[in-house]
Amino acid sequence: MSLIEMMILGFLSERSMCGYELRKKMEQLQGYARKFSDGTVYPATNRLVEAGLISEQSGIRDGRQRRVFTLLEAGRNKLIEELRNTGGFNLTDITRWTVVLTFLGVVPDKSDRDAVLRRRYDLLNGHDVHFFYCDAGNPLSIEQIDDPYRRGIIAVHDAEIAAELDWLRSMLGIEDESVAQ
């Protein structure tokens, strides 16, 4: 499932919406990262309608003819399955992870939600998650980077990771190993 389809199903899990509302919600969620056109939203909604995951009805809303989409039970089940099985880029990429977290509450079983959070925790807690690399593909430490702006990015990134790890520990009931020692 594409990230766009996940966002559409996720927002429709909250209430029925027209394409314009979906596009605006998706843009709000993605922030500065992305603008969505009707040429992106409507082909995705058409695929979801054809797959039997959402329904579409035309009607007047706000004085205009609108296509209103509603999540069907099959769509809710597909969204839950996708969220429950979160892995790969949906787990490692912060933009995709933000979308997963936005809708993770749709998953009814707490143990399934916790399993997703635990995979993210294990990823962040057990790996070097910096993203500046030398030509040979080896990670560069902050001490190896001279550029103050790149060092700033790393400092902000480290603070974000520390905050996320704290939050994940609180959600999962994990004691902070650095405090326990």
N, C-alpha and C. Protein backbone atom coordinates (compact mmCIF):
# COMPACT_ATOMS: atom_id res chain seq x y z
N MET A 1 0.85 -1.18 0.00
CA MET A 1 0.00 0.00 0.00
C MET A 1 0.89 1.24 0.00
N SER A 2 0.52 2.21 -0.82
CA SER A 2 1.30 3.44 -0.86
C SER A 2 1.01 4.28 0.39
N LEU A 3 1.90 5.20 0.66
CA LEU A 3 1.73 6.10 1.80
C LEU A 3 0.48 6.96 1.61
N ILE A 4 0.23 7.37 0.38
CA ILE A 4 -0.96 8.18 0.08
C ILE A 4 -2.22 7.39 0.37
N GLU A 5 -2.24 6.13 -0.04
CA GLU A 5 -3.41 5.28 0.24
C GLU A 5 -3.58 5.08 1.74
N MET A 6 -2.47 4.91 2.47
CA MET A 6 -2.57 4.75 3.92
C MET A 6 -3.15 6.01 4.56
N MET A 7 -2.71 7.18 4.10
CA MET A 7 -3.27 8.42 4.65
C MET A 7 -4.75 8.54 4.34
N ILE A 8 -5.14 8.21 3.13
CA ILE A 8 -6.56 8.30 2.77
C ILE A 8 -7.39 7.38 3.66
N LEU A 9 -6.98 6.12 3.78
CA LEU A 9 -7.73 5.19 4.64
C LEU A 9 -7.72 5.68 6.09
N GLY A 10 -6.57 6.18 6.53
CA GLY A 10 -6.46 6.66 7.91
C GLY A 10 -7.39 7.81 8.20
N PHE A 11 -7.39 8.81 7.33
CA PHE A 11 -8.28 9.95 7.57
C PHE A 11 -9.74 9.57 7.43
N LEU A 12 -10.04 8.66 6.50
CA LEU A 12 -11.43 8.21 6.37
C LEU A 12 -11.86 7.35 7.56
N SER A 13 -10.91 6.81 8.32
CA SER A 13 -11.28 6.06 9.53
C SER A 13 -11.86 7.01 10.59
N GLU A 14 -11.59 8.29 10.44
CA GLU A 14 -12.10 9.29 11.38
C GLU A 14 -13.49 9.79 10.99
N ARG A 15 -13.71 9.96 9.66
CA ARG A 15 -15.02 10.39 9.15
C ARG A 15 -14.98 10.40 7.63
N SER A 16 -16.14 10.44 7.02
CA SER A 16 -16.22 10.57 5.57
C SER A 16 -15.74 11.96 5.16
N MET A 17 -15.07 12.03 4.01
CA MET A 17 -14.55 13.31 3.53
C MET A 17 -14.59 13.36 2.02
N CYS A 18 -14.62 14.59 1.52
CA CYS A 18 -14.48 14.78 0.08
C CYS A 18 -12.99 14.84 -0.25
N GLY A 19 -12.68 14.77 -1.53
CA GLY A 19 -11.29 14.76 -1.98
C GLY A 19 -10.52 16.00 -1.53
N TYR A 20 -11.17 17.15 -1.57
CA TYR A 20 -10.52 18.40 -1.15
C TYR A 20 -10.11 18.32 0.33
N GLU A 21 -11.02 17.83 1.17
CA GLU A 21 -10.70 17.69 2.61
C GLU A 21 -9.55 16.71 2.82
N LEU A 22 -9.58 15.60 2.10
CA LEU A 22 -8.50 14.62 2.21
C LEU A 22 -7.16 15.26 1.83
N ARG A 23 -7.15 15.98 0.72
CA ARG A 23 -5.91 16.61 0.25
C ARG A 23 -5.38 17.59 1.30
N LYS A 24 -6.25 18.39 1.88
CA LYS A 24 -5.82 19.37 2.89
C LYS A 24 -5.30 18.66 4.15
N LYS A 25 -5.96 17.60 4.58
CA LYS A 25 -5.50 16.84 5.75
C LYS A 25 -4.14 16.22 5.48
N MET A 26 -3.97 15.67 4.29
CA MET A 26 -2.69 15.05 3.93
C MET A 26 -1.58 16.09 3.92
N GLU A 27 -1.86 17.27 3.40
CA GLU A 27 -0.86 18.34 3.38
C GLU A 27 -0.52 18.79 4.79
N GLN A 28 -1.52 18.88 5.66
CA GLN A 28 -1.26 19.26 7.05
C GLN A 28 -0.38 18.24 7.74
N LEU A 29 -0.63 16.96 7.49
CA LEU A 29 0.15 15.90 8.11
C LEU A 29 1.59 15.92 7.61
N GLN A 30 1.78 16.15 6.32
CA GLN A 30 3.12 16.12 5.75
C GLN A 30 3.86 17.45 5.92
N GLY A 31 3.17 18.50 6.34
CA GLY A 31 3.82 19.77 6.60
C GLY A 31 4.53 20.31 5.38
N TYR A 32 5.72 20.78 5.60
CA TYR A 32 6.49 21.39 4.52
C TYR A 32 6.95 20.37 3.48
N ALA A 33 6.87 19.10 3.81
CA ALA A 33 7.49 18.08 2.99
C ALA A 33 6.80 17.88 1.64
N ARG A 34 5.49 18.15 1.57
CA ARG A 34 4.82 17.76 0.34
C ARG A 34 3.49 18.46 0.16
N LYS A 35 3.24 18.84 -1.06
CA LYS A 35 1.92 19.33 -1.46
C LYS A 35 1.30 18.24 -2.31
N PHE A 36 0.00 18.07 -2.21
CA PHE A 36 -0.71 17.04 -2.95
C PHE A 36 -1.67 17.71 -3.93
N SER A 37 -1.69 17.21 -5.14
CA SER A 37 -2.61 17.73 -6.16
C SER A 37 -3.80 16.79 -6.28
N ASP A 38 -4.83 17.29 -6.94
CA ASP A 38 -5.98 16.42 -7.24
C ASP A 38 -5.52 15.25 -8.10
N GLY A 39 -4.49 15.47 -8.93
CA GLY A 39 -3.95 14.42 -9.78
C GLY A 39 -3.25 13.32 -9.00
N THR A 40 -3.00 13.56 -7.74
CA THR A 40 -2.43 12.54 -6.85
C THR A 40 -3.54 11.87 -6.05
N VAL A 41 -4.44 12.68 -5.51
CA VAL A 41 -5.47 12.16 -4.61
C VAL A 41 -6.51 11.32 -5.35
N TYR A 42 -7.04 11.83 -6.46
CA TYR A 42 -8.16 11.14 -7.11
C TYR A 42 -7.77 9.80 -7.76
N PRO A 43 -6.61 9.66 -8.37
CA PRO A 43 -6.25 8.31 -8.83
C PRO A 43 -6.13 7.31 -7.67
N ALA A 44 -5.64 7.79 -6.53
CA ALA A 44 -5.53 6.90 -5.36
C ALA A 44 -6.91 6.54 -4.83
N THR A 45 -7.82 7.51 -4.76
CA THR A 45 -9.17 7.18 -4.29
C THR A 45 -9.86 6.25 -5.28
N ASN A 46 -9.62 6.46 -6.57
CA ASN A 46 -10.21 5.56 -7.58
C ASN A 46 -9.73 4.13 -7.38
N ARG A 47 -8.42 3.96 -7.12
CA ARG A 47 -7.89 2.60 -6.87
C ARG A 47 -8.54 2.00 -5.63
N LEU A 48 -8.71 2.79 -4.59
CA LEU A 48 -9.30 2.28 -3.35
C LEU A 48 -10.77 1.94 -3.52
N VAL A 49 -11.49 2.72 -4.33
CA VAL A 49 -12.89 2.40 -4.63
C VAL A 49 -12.96 1.10 -5.41
N GLU A 50 -12.11 0.97 -6.45
CA GLU A 50 -12.10 -0.25 -7.26
C GLU A 50 -11.72 -1.48 -6.45
N ALA A 51 -10.89 -1.30 -5.43
CA ALA A 51 -10.47 -2.42 -4.58
C ALA A 51 -11.52 -2.74 -3.52
N GLY A 52 -12.59 -1.96 -3.45
CA GLY A 52 -13.64 -2.21 -2.46
C GLY A 52 -13.26 -1.81 -1.04
N LEU A 53 -12.33 -0.86 -0.92
CA LEU A 53 -11.87 -0.43 0.41
C LEU A 53 -12.58 0.84 0.88
N ILE A 54 -13.03 1.66 -0.07
CA ILE A 54 -13.80 2.86 0.26
C ILE A 54 -14.96 2.95 -0.73
N SER A 55 -15.97 3.71 -0.34
CA SER A 55 -17.08 3.99 -1.27
C SER A 55 -17.03 5.46 -1.64
N GLU A 56 -17.72 5.76 -2.73
CA GLU A 56 -17.75 7.14 -3.23
C GLU A 56 -19.18 7.51 -3.57
N GLN A 57 -19.57 8.70 -3.14
CA GLN A 57 -20.88 9.23 -3.50
C GLN A 57 -20.70 10.68 -3.91
N SER A 58 -21.41 11.07 -4.93
CA SER A 58 -21.40 12.48 -5.34
C SER A 58 -22.54 13.19 -4.64
N GLY A 59 -22.25 14.40 -4.23
CA GLY A 59 -23.29 15.17 -3.57
C GLY A 59 -22.85 16.62 -3.44
N ILE A 60 -23.81 17.45 -3.04
CA ILE A 60 -23.53 18.87 -2.83
C ILE A 60 -23.03 19.04 -1.39
N ARG A 61 -21.88 19.66 -1.27
CA ARG A 61 -21.32 19.96 0.05
C ARG A 61 -20.70 21.34 -0.05
N ASP A 62 -21.02 22.19 0.91
CA ASP A 62 -20.53 23.58 0.90
C ASP A 62 -20.91 24.29 -0.40
N GLY A 63 -22.09 23.94 -0.93
CA GLY A 63 -22.59 24.58 -2.14
C GLY A 63 -21.93 24.13 -3.43
N ARG A 64 -21.10 23.09 -3.34
CA ARG A 64 -20.39 22.62 -4.53
C ARG A 64 -20.61 21.12 -4.69
N GLN A 65 -20.52 20.69 -5.93
CA GLN A 65 -20.59 19.26 -6.21
C GLN A 65 -19.29 18.63 -5.71
N ARG A 66 -19.41 17.63 -4.85
CA ARG A 66 -18.22 16.99 -4.27
C ARG A 66 -18.36 15.47 -4.37
N ARG A 67 -17.19 14.82 -4.44
CA ARG A 67 -17.11 13.36 -4.33
C ARG A 67 -16.76 13.07 -2.88
N VAL A 68 -17.67 12.42 -2.18
CA VAL A 68 -17.48 12.13 -0.75
C VAL A 68 -17.12 10.65 -0.60
N PHE A 69 -16.03 10.40 0.12
CA PHE A 69 -15.51 9.05 0.30
C PHE A 69 -15.76 8.58 1.72
N THR A 70 -16.10 7.29 1.84
CA THR A 70 -16.37 6.67 3.13
C THR A 70 -15.56 5.38 3.23
N LEU A 71 -14.97 5.16 4.37
CA LEU A 71 -14.20 3.94 4.60
C LEU A 71 -15.15 2.76 4.77
N LEU A 72 -14.90 1.70 4.06
CA LEU A 72 -15.67 0.46 4.21
C LEU A 72 -14.95 -0.47 5.19
N GLU A 73 -15.64 -1.46 5.67
CA GLU A 73 -15.05 -2.40 6.63
C GLU A 73 -13.79 -3.05 6.07
N ALA A 74 -13.81 -3.41 4.78
CA ALA A 74 -12.63 -4.00 4.16
C ALA A 74 -11.46 -3.02 4.18
N GLY A 75 -11.76 -1.73 4.02
CA GLY A 75 -10.72 -0.71 4.08
C GLY A 75 -10.14 -0.55 5.47
N ARG A 76 -11.02 -0.60 6.47
CA ARG A 76 -10.54 -0.54 7.87
C ARG A 76 -9.65 -1.74 8.17
N ASN A 77 -10.08 -2.92 7.73
CA ASN A 77 -9.27 -4.13 7.96
C ASN A 77 -7.92 -4.04 7.25
N LYS A 78 -7.91 -3.50 6.04
CA LYS A 78 -6.65 -3.35 5.29
C LYS A 78 -5.73 -2.36 6.00
N LEU A 79 -6.28 -1.25 6.46
CA LEU A 79 -5.49 -0.26 7.19
C LEU A 79 -4.90 -0.87 8.45
N ILE A 80 -5.70 -1.60 9.21
CA ILE A 80 -5.23 -2.24 10.43
C ILE A 80 -4.11 -3.23 10.11
N GLU A 81 -4.29 -4.01 9.05
CA GLU A 81 -3.26 -4.98 8.66
C GLU A 81 -1.95 -4.27 8.29
N GLU A 82 -2.04 -3.21 7.52
CA GLU A 82 -0.84 -2.45 7.13
C GLU A 82 -0.14 -1.87 8.35
N LEU A 83 -0.91 -1.28 9.25
CA LEU A 83 -0.32 -0.69 10.45
C LEU A 83 0.29 -1.76 11.35
N ARG A 84 -0.42 -2.84 11.54
CA ARG A 84 0.04 -3.94 12.39
C ARG A 84 1.36 -4.52 11.88
N ASN A 85 1.52 -4.57 10.57
CA ASN A 85 2.71 -5.16 9.96
C ASN A 85 3.76 -4.13 9.55
N THR A 86 3.73 -2.96 10.17
CA THR A 86 4.67 -1.90 9.82
C THR A 86 6.11 -2.39 9.90
N GLY A 87 6.83 -2.15 8.82
CA GLY A 87 8.25 -2.50 8.74
C GLY A 87 8.88 -1.74 7.61
N GLY A 88 10.11 -2.06 7.28
CA GLY A 88 10.80 -1.42 6.16
C GLY A 88 10.84 0.08 6.28
N PHE A 89 10.62 0.75 5.14
CA PHE A 89 10.69 2.21 5.12
C PHE A 89 9.62 2.85 6.00
N ASN A 90 8.49 2.20 6.18
CA ASN A 90 7.46 2.77 7.05
C ASN A 90 7.92 2.82 8.50
N LEU A 91 8.92 2.03 8.84
CA LEU A 91 9.48 2.03 10.19
C LEU A 91 10.72 2.91 10.28
N THR A 92 11.50 2.98 9.22
CA THR A 92 12.79 3.67 9.28
C THR A 92 12.74 5.12 8.82
N ASP A 93 11.84 5.45 7.91
CA ASP A 93 11.77 6.81 7.37
C ASP A 93 10.86 7.65 8.25
N ILE A 94 11.35 8.80 8.74
CA ILE A 94 10.59 9.60 9.70
C ILE A 94 9.28 10.11 9.12
N THR A 95 9.26 10.45 7.84
CA THR A 95 8.02 10.93 7.23
C THR A 95 6.97 9.82 7.20
N ARG A 96 7.38 8.63 6.82
CA ARG A 96 6.45 7.49 6.79
C ARG A 96 6.07 7.09 8.22
N TRP A 97 7.04 7.10 9.14
CA TRP A 97 6.77 6.74 10.53
C TRP A 97 5.74 7.68 11.14
N THR A 98 5.81 8.96 10.79
CA THR A 98 4.83 9.93 11.28
C THR A 98 3.42 9.55 10.85
N VAL A 99 3.29 9.09 9.61
CA VAL A 99 1.97 8.66 9.12
C VAL A 99 1.51 7.43 9.89
N VAL A 100 2.40 6.47 10.09
CA VAL A 100 2.04 5.28 10.87
C VAL A 100 1.56 5.67 12.25
N LEU A 101 2.32 6.52 12.94
CA LEU A 101 1.94 6.94 14.30
C LEU A 101 0.61 7.69 14.30
N THR A 102 0.36 8.47 13.27
CA THR A 102 -0.88 9.23 13.21
C THR A 102 -2.11 8.32 13.26
N PHE A 103 -2.00 7.15 12.67
CA PHE A 103 -3.15 6.26 12.57
C PHE A 103 -3.02 4.97 13.38
N LEU A 104 -1.94 4.81 14.13
CA LEU A 104 -1.72 3.56 14.87
C LEU A 104 -2.85 3.28 15.86
N GLY A 105 -3.50 4.30 16.36
CA GLY A 105 -4.61 4.12 17.28
C GLY A 105 -5.80 3.39 16.68
N VAL A 106 -5.84 3.27 15.35
CA VAL A 106 -6.92 2.53 14.68
C VAL A 106 -6.78 1.04 14.97
N VAL A 107 -5.57 0.57 15.22
CA VAL A 107 -5.34 -0.85 15.51
C VAL A 107 -5.97 -1.15 16.87
N PRO A 108 -6.94 -2.05 16.92
CA PRO A 108 -7.70 -2.25 18.15
C PRO A 108 -6.92 -2.94 19.28
N ASP A 109 -5.98 -3.79 18.95
CA ASP A 109 -5.28 -4.58 19.96
C ASP A 109 -4.01 -3.87 20.44
N LYS A 110 -3.95 -3.58 21.73
CA LYS A 110 -2.78 -2.89 22.29
C LYS A 110 -1.49 -3.66 22.07
N SER A 111 -1.55 -4.97 22.16
CA SER A 111 -0.32 -5.75 21.96
C SER A 111 0.19 -5.61 20.53
N ASP A 112 -0.71 -5.47 19.56
CA ASP A 112 -0.29 -5.23 18.17
C ASP A 112 0.33 -3.84 18.03
N ARG A 113 -0.29 -2.84 18.67
CA ARG A 113 0.28 -1.48 18.62
C ARG A 113 1.65 -1.47 19.29
N ASP A 114 1.75 -2.12 20.44
CA ASP A 114 3.03 -2.17 21.16
C ASP A 114 4.11 -2.89 20.36
N ALA A 115 3.73 -3.90 19.59
CA ALA A 115 4.71 -4.61 18.77
C ALA A 115 5.31 -3.68 17.71
N VAL A 116 4.49 -2.81 17.15
CA VAL A 116 4.98 -1.83 16.18
C VAL A 116 5.93 -0.86 16.87
N LEU A 117 5.51 -0.35 18.03
CA LEU A 117 6.37 0.58 18.77
C LEU A 117 7.67 -0.08 19.17
N ARG A 118 7.62 -1.35 19.53
CA ARG A 118 8.83 -2.07 19.93
C ARG A 118 9.80 -2.22 18.75
N ARG A 119 9.27 -2.45 17.55
CA ARG A 119 10.15 -2.53 16.38
C ARG A 119 10.85 -1.20 16.14
N ARG A 120 10.14 -0.12 16.30
CA ARG A 120 10.75 1.20 16.14
C ARG A 120 11.79 1.44 17.25
N TYR A 121 11.43 1.08 18.48
CA TYR A 121 12.36 1.24 19.61
C TYR A 121 13.65 0.45 19.36
N ASP A 122 13.50 -0.78 18.96
CA ASP A 122 14.69 -1.62 18.71
C ASP A 122 15.55 -1.03 17.60
N LEU A 123 14.92 -0.47 16.58
CA LEU A 123 15.66 0.16 15.49
C LEU A 123 16.46 1.35 16.02
N LEU A 124 15.81 2.23 16.75
CA LEU A 124 16.49 3.44 17.23
C LEU A 124 17.50 3.15 18.33
N ASN A 125 17.21 2.17 19.14
CA ASN A 125 18.06 1.87 20.29
C ASN A 125 19.27 1.03 19.91
N GLY A 126 19.20 0.31 18.82
CA GLY A 126 20.25 -0.63 18.51
C GLY A 126 21.11 -0.31 17.31
N HIS A 127 20.88 0.83 16.66
CA HIS A 127 21.61 1.13 15.44
C HIS A 127 22.10 2.57 15.46
N ASP A 128 23.13 2.82 14.67
CA ASP A 128 23.55 4.19 14.40
C ASP A 128 22.56 4.75 13.39
N VAL A 129 21.82 5.75 13.78
CA VAL A 129 20.77 6.27 12.92
C VAL A 129 21.16 7.61 12.29
N HIS A 130 22.45 7.92 12.28
CA HIS A 130 22.90 9.14 11.59
C HIS A 130 22.85 8.92 10.08
N PHE A 131 22.80 10.01 9.37
CA PHE A 131 22.59 9.88 7.94
C PHE A 131 23.65 10.55 7.08
N PHE A 132 24.75 11.04 7.66
CA PHE A 132 25.86 11.54 6.86
C PHE A 132 26.90 10.43 6.76
N TYR A 133 27.29 10.10 5.55
CA TYR A 133 28.21 8.99 5.32
C TYR A 133 29.37 9.45 4.44
N CYS A 134 30.50 8.82 4.62
CA CYS A 134 31.64 9.11 3.75
C CYS A 134 31.46 8.34 2.44
N ASP A 135 32.40 8.54 1.52
CA ASP A 135 32.27 7.90 0.20
C ASP A 135 32.28 6.38 0.27
N ALA A 136 32.94 5.82 1.27
CA ALA A 136 33.02 4.36 1.38
C ALA A 136 31.76 3.76 2.00
N GLY A 137 30.81 4.59 2.37
CA GLY A 137 29.56 4.09 2.93
C GLY A 137 29.56 3.91 4.43
N ASN A 138 30.65 4.29 5.09
CA ASN A 138 30.72 4.17 6.55
C ASN A 138 30.17 5.43 7.20
N PRO A 139 29.48 5.29 8.32
CA PRO A 139 28.92 6.47 8.98
C PRO A 139 30.03 7.38 9.50
N LEU A 140 29.76 8.67 9.42
CA LEU A 140 30.66 9.67 9.98
C LEU A 140 30.14 10.09 11.34
N SER A 141 31.01 10.17 12.31
CA SER A 141 30.60 10.68 13.63
C SER A 141 30.57 12.20 13.57
N ILE A 142 29.92 12.80 14.54
CA ILE A 142 29.82 14.26 14.57
C ILE A 142 31.21 14.90 14.64
N GLU A 143 32.15 14.22 15.27
CA GLU A 143 33.52 14.74 15.38
C GLU A 143 34.23 14.78 14.03
N GLN A 144 33.79 13.98 13.08
CA GLN A 144 34.42 13.91 11.76
C GLN A 144 33.82 14.92 10.77
N ILE A 145 32.83 15.66 11.19
CA ILE A 145 32.15 16.62 10.31
C ILE A 145 32.53 18.03 10.74
N ASP A 146 33.08 18.78 9.80
CA ASP A 146 33.51 20.14 10.08
C ASP A 146 32.41 21.17 9.88
N ASP A 147 31.53 20.92 8.95
CA ASP A 147 30.49 21.88 8.60
C ASP A 147 29.56 22.11 9.80
N PRO A 148 29.46 23.35 10.30
CA PRO A 148 28.64 23.60 11.50
C PRO A 148 27.15 23.36 11.26
N TYR A 149 26.70 23.49 10.04
CA TYR A 149 25.28 23.29 9.76
C TYR A 149 24.92 21.81 9.76
N ARG A 150 25.80 21.01 9.21
CA ARG A 150 25.58 19.55 9.27
C ARG A 150 25.71 19.07 10.71
N ARG A 151 26.62 19.64 11.47
CA ARG A 151 26.73 19.29 12.88
C ARG A 151 25.44 19.67 13.61
N GLY A 152 24.86 20.79 13.21
CA GLY A 152 23.58 21.21 13.78
C GLY A 152 22.47 20.23 13.48
N ILE A 153 22.44 19.76 12.24
CA ILE A 153 21.43 18.78 11.87
C ILE A 153 21.57 17.52 12.72
N ILE A 154 22.81 17.09 12.93
CA ILE A 154 23.05 15.90 13.74
C ILE A 154 22.64 16.14 15.19
N ALA A 155 22.96 17.32 15.73
CA ALA A 155 22.58 17.64 17.11
C ALA A 155 21.07 17.63 17.28
N VAL A 156 20.35 18.23 16.34
CA VAL A 156 18.89 18.23 16.40
C VAL A 156 18.35 16.81 16.25
N HIS A 157 18.91 16.07 15.31
CA HIS A 157 18.49 14.69 15.08
C HIS A 157 18.70 13.84 16.34
N ASP A 158 19.87 13.99 16.97
CA ASP A 158 20.14 13.23 18.21
C ASP A 158 19.13 13.57 19.30
N ALA A 159 18.77 14.86 19.41
CA ALA A 159 17.78 15.26 20.42
C ALA A 159 16.41 14.67 20.10
N GLU A 160 16.05 14.64 18.82
CA GLU A 160 14.77 14.04 18.43
C GLU A 160 14.75 12.55 18.74
N ILE A 161 15.85 11.87 18.44
CA ILE A 161 15.93 10.43 18.71
C ILE A 161 15.84 10.17 20.21
N ALA A 162 16.55 10.96 21.01
CA ALA A 162 16.51 10.79 22.47
C ALA A 162 15.08 11.00 22.99
N ALA A 163 14.41 12.02 22.47
CA ALA A 163 13.03 12.29 22.91
C ALA A 163 12.10 11.16 22.48
N GLU A 164 12.28 10.66 21.27
CA GLU A 164 11.42 9.56 20.81
C GLU A 164 11.67 8.30 21.62
N LEU A 165 12.94 8.02 21.91
CA LEU A 165 13.24 6.84 22.74
C LEU A 165 12.62 6.97 24.12
N ASP A 166 12.67 8.15 24.72
CA ASP A 166 12.02 8.37 26.02
C ASP A 166 10.53 8.10 25.92
N TRP A 167 9.90 8.62 24.87
CA TRP A 167 8.47 8.42 24.68
C TRP A 167 8.15 6.94 24.47
N LEU A 168 8.93 6.28 23.62
CA LEU A 168 8.70 4.85 23.37
C LEU A 168 8.86 4.04 24.65
N ARG A 169 9.88 4.35 25.45
CA ARG A 169 10.04 3.65 26.73
C ARG A 169 8.82 3.85 27.62
N SER A 170 8.29 5.07 27.65
CA SER A 170 7.11 5.32 28.49
C SER A 170 5.89 4.56 27.97
N MET A 171 5.74 4.49 26.65
CA MET A 171 4.59 3.78 26.07
C MET A 171 4.70 2.27 26.28
N LEU A 172 5.93 1.76 26.25
CA LEU A 172 6.15 0.32 26.35
C LEU A 172 6.48 -0.15 27.77
N GLY A 173 6.61 0.78 28.70
CA GLY A 173 6.94 0.39 30.08
C GLY A 173 8.35 -0.14 30.22
N ILE A 174 9.28 0.42 29.44
CA ILE A 174 10.69 0.00 29.48
C ILE A 174 11.45 0.98 30.34
N GLU A 175 12.22 0.45 31.28
CA GLU A 175 13.04 1.32 32.10
C GLU A 175 14.25 1.77 31.29
N ASP A 176 14.62 3.02 31.42
CA ASP A 176 15.78 3.58 30.71
C ASP A 176 17.05 2.94 31.27
N GLU A 177 17.72 2.18 30.41
CA GLU A 177 18.93 1.46 30.85
C GLU A 177 20.01 2.40 31.33
N SER A 178 20.13 3.59 30.72
CA SER A 178 21.18 4.52 31.12
C SER A 178 20.92 5.08 32.52
N VAL A 179 19.65 5.21 32.91
CA VAL A 179 19.31 5.69 34.25
C VAL A 179 19.45 4.55 35.26
N ALA A 180 19.14 3.33 34.85
CA ALA A 180 19.14 2.18 35.76
C ALA A 180 20.55 1.81 36.20
N GLN A 181 21.56 2.19 35.43
CA GLN A 181 22.92 1.78 35.76
C GLN A 181 23.61 2.74 36.70
